[in-house]
């Protein structure tokens, strides 16, 4: 009897292996674009001091990453003039669109951008701005390109990044991802302000972030369109 039972077990296992897997139909979910809220600060804290402070506050020291960014626009600056940024980071496309009215144009102020990473969704958004044919047949051309070495930390909901750009400019960014509602964006601003105090961050001043500084130095047309010059 035991031998027969063992044979039946083996037979059942073999039959199970031969059955095609059951595929459940998943309800299609609409693609959502996250809204990031960030503020830039001077990269004035020594790495050892920053790491120690993050740990003291209950945060984490994550990792160091490197990436290469290219930014694209049309000859007549359809995107730049709308404070809209099409970026290709290490081959992956991303579109950043203002989630609210644009504020002061310099000094590392807090900003909120809707982020889209799905290529068809990017294409649809660009088409609505009068830029057709993305990504295959398009009038978009690269106007900025640089590499970044980023040291990453996490302090509760706040991402803390210290960036060193390949053209010689360094900054610190504090960022919180939100659901895009006005209340959640304001909550994120509060978290960033509190984290900045806890970490002892210094205001960025007139130098600007990585892209703003790049535009000031190398892309006067784009910088002028945004009021940086």
Protein backbone atom coordinates (compact mmCIF):
# COMPACT_ATOMS: atom_id res chain seq x y z
CA UNK A 1 0.00 0.00 0.00
CA UNK A 2 2.83 2.40 0.81
CA UNK A 3 4.39 1.67 -2.55
CA UNK A 4 1.11 2.40 -4.33
CA UNK A 5 0.66 5.66 -2.36
CA UNK A 6 4.18 6.76 -3.28
CA UNK A 7 3.51 6.03 -6.95
CA UNK A 8 0.31 8.12 -6.80
CA UNK A 9 2.18 11.05 -5.21
CA UNK A 10 4.82 10.97 -7.95
CA UNK A 11 2.12 10.79 -10.62
CA UNK A 12 0.29 13.81 -9.17
CA UNK A 13 3.51 15.84 -9.06
CA UNK A 14 4.32 14.96 -12.66
CA UNK A 15 0.82 15.95 -13.78
CA UNK A 16 1.09 19.24 -11.91
CA UNK A 17 4.35 20.05 -13.66
CA UNK A 18 2.72 19.44 -17.05
CA UNK A 19 -0.29 21.69 -16.41
CA UNK A 20 -0.08 25.16 -17.94
CA UNK A 21 0.01 27.85 -15.28
CA UNK A 22 -3.28 29.56 -14.50
CA UNK A 23 -3.15 33.13 -15.74
CA UNK A 24 -5.33 35.56 -13.86
CA UNK A 25 -6.47 38.64 -15.71
CA UNK A 26 -5.33 41.69 -13.80
CA UNK A 27 -7.44 44.81 -13.94
CA UNK A 28 -5.65 47.50 -15.85
CA UNK A 29 -4.50 50.32 -13.60
CA UNK A 30 -4.20 53.86 -14.88
CA UNK A 31 -0.66 55.17 -14.99
CA UNK A 32 -0.09 57.81 -12.35
CA UNK A 33 2.60 60.45 -12.41
CA UNK A 34 4.26 61.05 -9.07
CA UNK A 35 4.85 64.59 -7.85
CA UNK A 36 8.21 65.28 -6.28
CA UNK A 37 8.76 68.19 -3.95
CA UNK A 38 12.38 69.19 -3.51
CA UNK A 39 14.59 71.93 -2.22
CA UNK A 40 18.26 72.48 -3.00
CA UNK A 41 20.92 73.48 -0.50
CA UNK A 42 24.65 74.15 -0.48
CA UNK A 43 26.80 71.02 -0.31
CA UNK A 44 28.64 72.46 2.68
CA UNK A 45 28.40 69.57 5.16
CA UNK A 46 31.40 67.24 5.24
CA UNK A 47 30.43 63.64 4.31
CA UNK A 48 31.52 62.21 7.68
CA UNK A 49 29.53 64.84 9.57
CA UNK A 50 26.46 64.33 7.39
CA UNK A 51 26.59 60.55 7.78
CA UNK A 52 26.89 60.89 11.55
CA UNK A 53 24.01 63.36 11.76
CA UNK A 54 21.72 61.25 9.57
CA UNK A 55 22.34 58.21 11.77
CA UNK A 56 21.78 60.23 14.96
CA UNK A 57 18.41 61.33 13.59
CA UNK A 58 17.39 57.72 12.90
CA UNK A 59 18.04 57.86 9.17
CA UNK A 60 20.02 55.62 6.85
CA UNK A 61 23.16 55.94 4.81
CA UNK A 62 22.22 54.25 1.53
CA UNK A 63 24.71 54.13 -1.35
CA UNK A 64 26.64 56.09 -3.94
CA UNK A 65 25.42 56.03 -7.56
CA UNK A 66 26.64 57.57 -10.80
CA UNK A 67 24.52 58.51 -13.81
CA UNK A 68 24.59 60.57 -16.99
CA UNK A 69 21.84 63.03 -17.92
CA UNK A 70 20.89 64.52 -21.29
CA UNK A 71 18.25 67.25 -21.59
CA UNK A 72 16.23 67.86 -24.77
CA UNK A 73 14.27 70.75 -26.25
CA UNK A 74 13.16 72.16 -29.60
CA UNK A 75 15.00 74.97 -31.40
CA UNK A 76 12.34 77.44 -30.27
CA UNK A 77 12.53 76.22 -26.64
CA UNK A 78 8.96 74.92 -26.39
CA UNK A 79 9.80 73.03 -23.20
CA UNK A 80 12.27 75.33 -21.46
CA UNK A 81 9.91 78.30 -21.72
CA UNK A 82 7.30 76.19 -19.90
CA UNK A 83 9.76 75.11 -17.17
CA UNK A 84 9.25 71.58 -18.52
CA UNK A 85 12.20 69.18 -18.69
CA UNK A 86 12.65 66.13 -20.89
CA UNK A 87 15.57 64.11 -19.59
CA UNK A 88 17.25 60.88 -20.65
CA UNK A 89 19.12 59.39 -17.71
CA UNK A 90 21.35 56.46 -18.64
CA UNK A 91 18.99 55.73 -21.55
CA UNK A 92 15.72 55.99 -19.58
CA UNK A 93 13.33 58.85 -20.46
CA UNK A 94 11.64 61.09 -17.89
CA UNK A 95 9.50 64.20 -18.26
CA UNK A 96 9.20 66.72 -15.43
CA UNK A 97 6.27 69.15 -15.56
CA UNK A 98 5.54 71.89 -13.00
CA UNK A 99 2.84 70.77 -10.60
CA UNK A 100 2.01 74.37 -9.67
CA UNK A 101 2.72 77.93 -10.73
CA UNK A 102 6.43 78.65 -11.03
CA UNK A 103 7.99 80.45 -8.09
CA UNK A 104 11.15 82.55 -7.72
CA UNK A 105 13.57 81.39 -10.41
CA UNK A 106 16.75 81.19 -8.35
CA UNK A 107 18.19 80.56 -4.90
CA UNK A 108 17.32 76.87 -4.41
CA UNK A 109 13.64 77.47 -3.62
CA UNK A 110 11.26 74.57 -3.05
CA UNK A 111 9.78 73.23 -6.27
CA UNK A 112 7.12 70.66 -7.14
CA UNK A 113 7.22 68.68 -10.38
CA UNK A 114 5.03 65.96 -11.82
CA UNK A 115 7.24 63.12 -13.05
CA UNK A 116 6.32 60.89 -16.00
CA UNK A 117 8.48 57.90 -16.89
CA UNK A 118 6.17 55.92 -19.20
CA UNK A 119 7.26 56.61 -22.80
CA UNK A 120 3.73 56.61 -24.37
CA UNK A 121 2.53 58.96 -21.61
CA UNK A 122 5.52 61.23 -22.23
CA UNK A 123 4.74 61.23 -25.96
CA UNK A 124 1.11 62.22 -25.27
CA UNK A 125 2.15 65.01 -22.92
CA UNK A 126 4.69 66.36 -25.40
CA UNK A 127 2.12 66.24 -28.22
CA UNK A 128 -0.19 68.40 -26.10
CA UNK A 129 2.66 70.93 -25.94
CA UNK A 130 3.11 70.90 -29.71
CA UNK A 131 6.06 68.48 -29.82
CA UNK A 132 5.04 65.53 -31.99
CA UNK A 133 6.81 62.31 -32.95
CA UNK A 134 8.55 61.45 -29.67
CA UNK A 135 10.66 59.38 -29.34
CA UNK A 136 11.27 58.25 -32.95
CA UNK A 137 10.71 61.17 -35.31
CA UNK A 138 11.05 64.43 -33.45
CA UNK A 139 12.50 67.93 -33.59
CA UNK A 140 13.91 67.55 -30.07
CA UNK A 141 17.66 68.00 -29.69
CA UNK A 142 19.99 67.67 -26.68
CA UNK A 143 21.13 70.98 -25.22
CA UNK A 144 22.68 69.89 -21.90
CA UNK A 145 24.60 66.80 -20.85
CA UNK A 146 26.62 65.99 -17.74
CA UNK A 147 27.40 63.20 -15.31
CA UNK A 148 26.63 63.11 -11.58
CA UNK A 149 28.06 61.26 -8.60
CA UNK A 150 25.33 61.04 -5.93
CA UNK A 151 25.63 60.06 -2.26
CA UNK A 152 22.20 58.93 -1.08
CA UNK A 153 20.70 59.07 2.42
CA UNK A 154 17.19 58.61 3.81
CA UNK A 155 15.68 60.49 6.76
CA UNK A 156 12.20 59.12 7.34
CA UNK A 157 10.20 60.27 4.28
CA UNK A 158 12.88 62.68 3.14
CA UNK A 159 15.45 61.60 0.54
CA UNK A 160 18.77 63.33 1.03
CA UNK A 161 21.09 63.46 -1.99
CA UNK A 162 24.49 65.09 -2.27
CA UNK A 163 25.40 65.57 -5.94
CA UNK A 164 28.72 66.35 -7.57
CA UNK A 165 28.27 67.23 -11.26
CA UNK A 166 30.98 66.44 -13.79
CA UNK A 167 31.35 70.10 -14.77
CA UNK A 168 32.37 71.10 -11.23
CA UNK A 169 29.21 72.04 -9.29
CA UNK A 170 27.94 70.36 -6.11
CA UNK A 171 24.62 70.64 -4.28
CA UNK A 172 22.47 68.91 -1.67
CA UNK A 173 18.84 68.08 -2.42
CA UNK A 174 16.07 67.17 0.03
CA UNK A 175 13.10 65.49 -1.66
CA UNK A 176 9.73 64.04 -0.71
CA UNK A 177 7.42 62.17 -3.09
CA UNK A 178 3.73 63.09 -2.84
CA UNK A 179 0.35 62.13 -4.28
CA UNK A 180 0.14 65.52 -5.99
CA UNK A 181 -2.64 67.02 -3.89
CA UNK A 182 -2.15 70.53 -2.54
CA UNK A 183 -2.29 69.30 1.04
CA UNK A 184 0.32 66.61 0.49
CA UNK A 185 2.63 69.02 -1.31
CA UNK A 186 2.43 71.45 1.62
CA UNK A 187 3.04 68.57 4.04
CA UNK A 188 6.15 67.65 2.04
CA UNK A 189 7.39 71.23 2.26
CA UNK A 190 7.06 71.03 6.03
CA UNK A 191 9.01 67.77 6.18
CA UNK A 192 11.78 69.24 4.05
CA UNK A 193 11.97 72.40 6.17
CA UNK A 194 12.21 70.36 9.38
CA UNK A 195 14.85 68.02 7.93
CA UNK A 196 16.90 71.00 6.72
CA UNK A 197 16.96 72.41 10.25
CA UNK A 198 17.82 69.02 11.78
CA UNK A 199 20.69 68.48 9.33
CA UNK A 200 22.00 72.03 9.53
CA UNK A 201 21.59 72.69 5.81
CA UNK A 202 22.76 76.01 4.38
CA UNK A 203 20.74 77.91 1.78
CA UNK A 204 21.99 77.54 -1.77
CA UNK A 205 22.00 81.27 -2.44
CA UNK A 206 22.44 82.61 -5.96
CA UNK A 207 24.41 79.71 -7.45
CA UNK A 208 21.40 77.52 -8.34
CA UNK A 209 20.99 73.78 -8.81
CA UNK A 210 22.88 71.55 -11.22
CA UNK A 211 20.82 72.24 -14.32
CA UNK A 212 20.32 75.94 -13.56
CA UNK A 213 24.07 76.40 -13.08
CA UNK A 214 24.80 74.47 -16.28
CA UNK A 215 22.40 76.73 -18.20
CA UNK A 216 23.97 79.86 -16.73
CA UNK A 217 27.44 78.71 -17.79
CA UNK A 218 26.84 76.99 -21.12
CA UNK A 219 23.30 77.68 -22.45
CA UNK A 220 22.60 81.44 -22.33
CA UNK A 221 19.47 81.20 -24.55
CA UNK A 222 17.83 78.74 -22.17
CA UNK A 223 18.97 80.64 -19.09
CA UNK A 224 17.61 83.90 -20.49
CA UNK A 225 14.29 82.24 -21.35
CA UNK A 226 13.91 81.30 -17.69
CA UNK A 227 15.07 84.67 -16.37
CA UNK A 228 18.33 83.38 -14.93
CA UNK A 229 20.42 86.03 -16.72
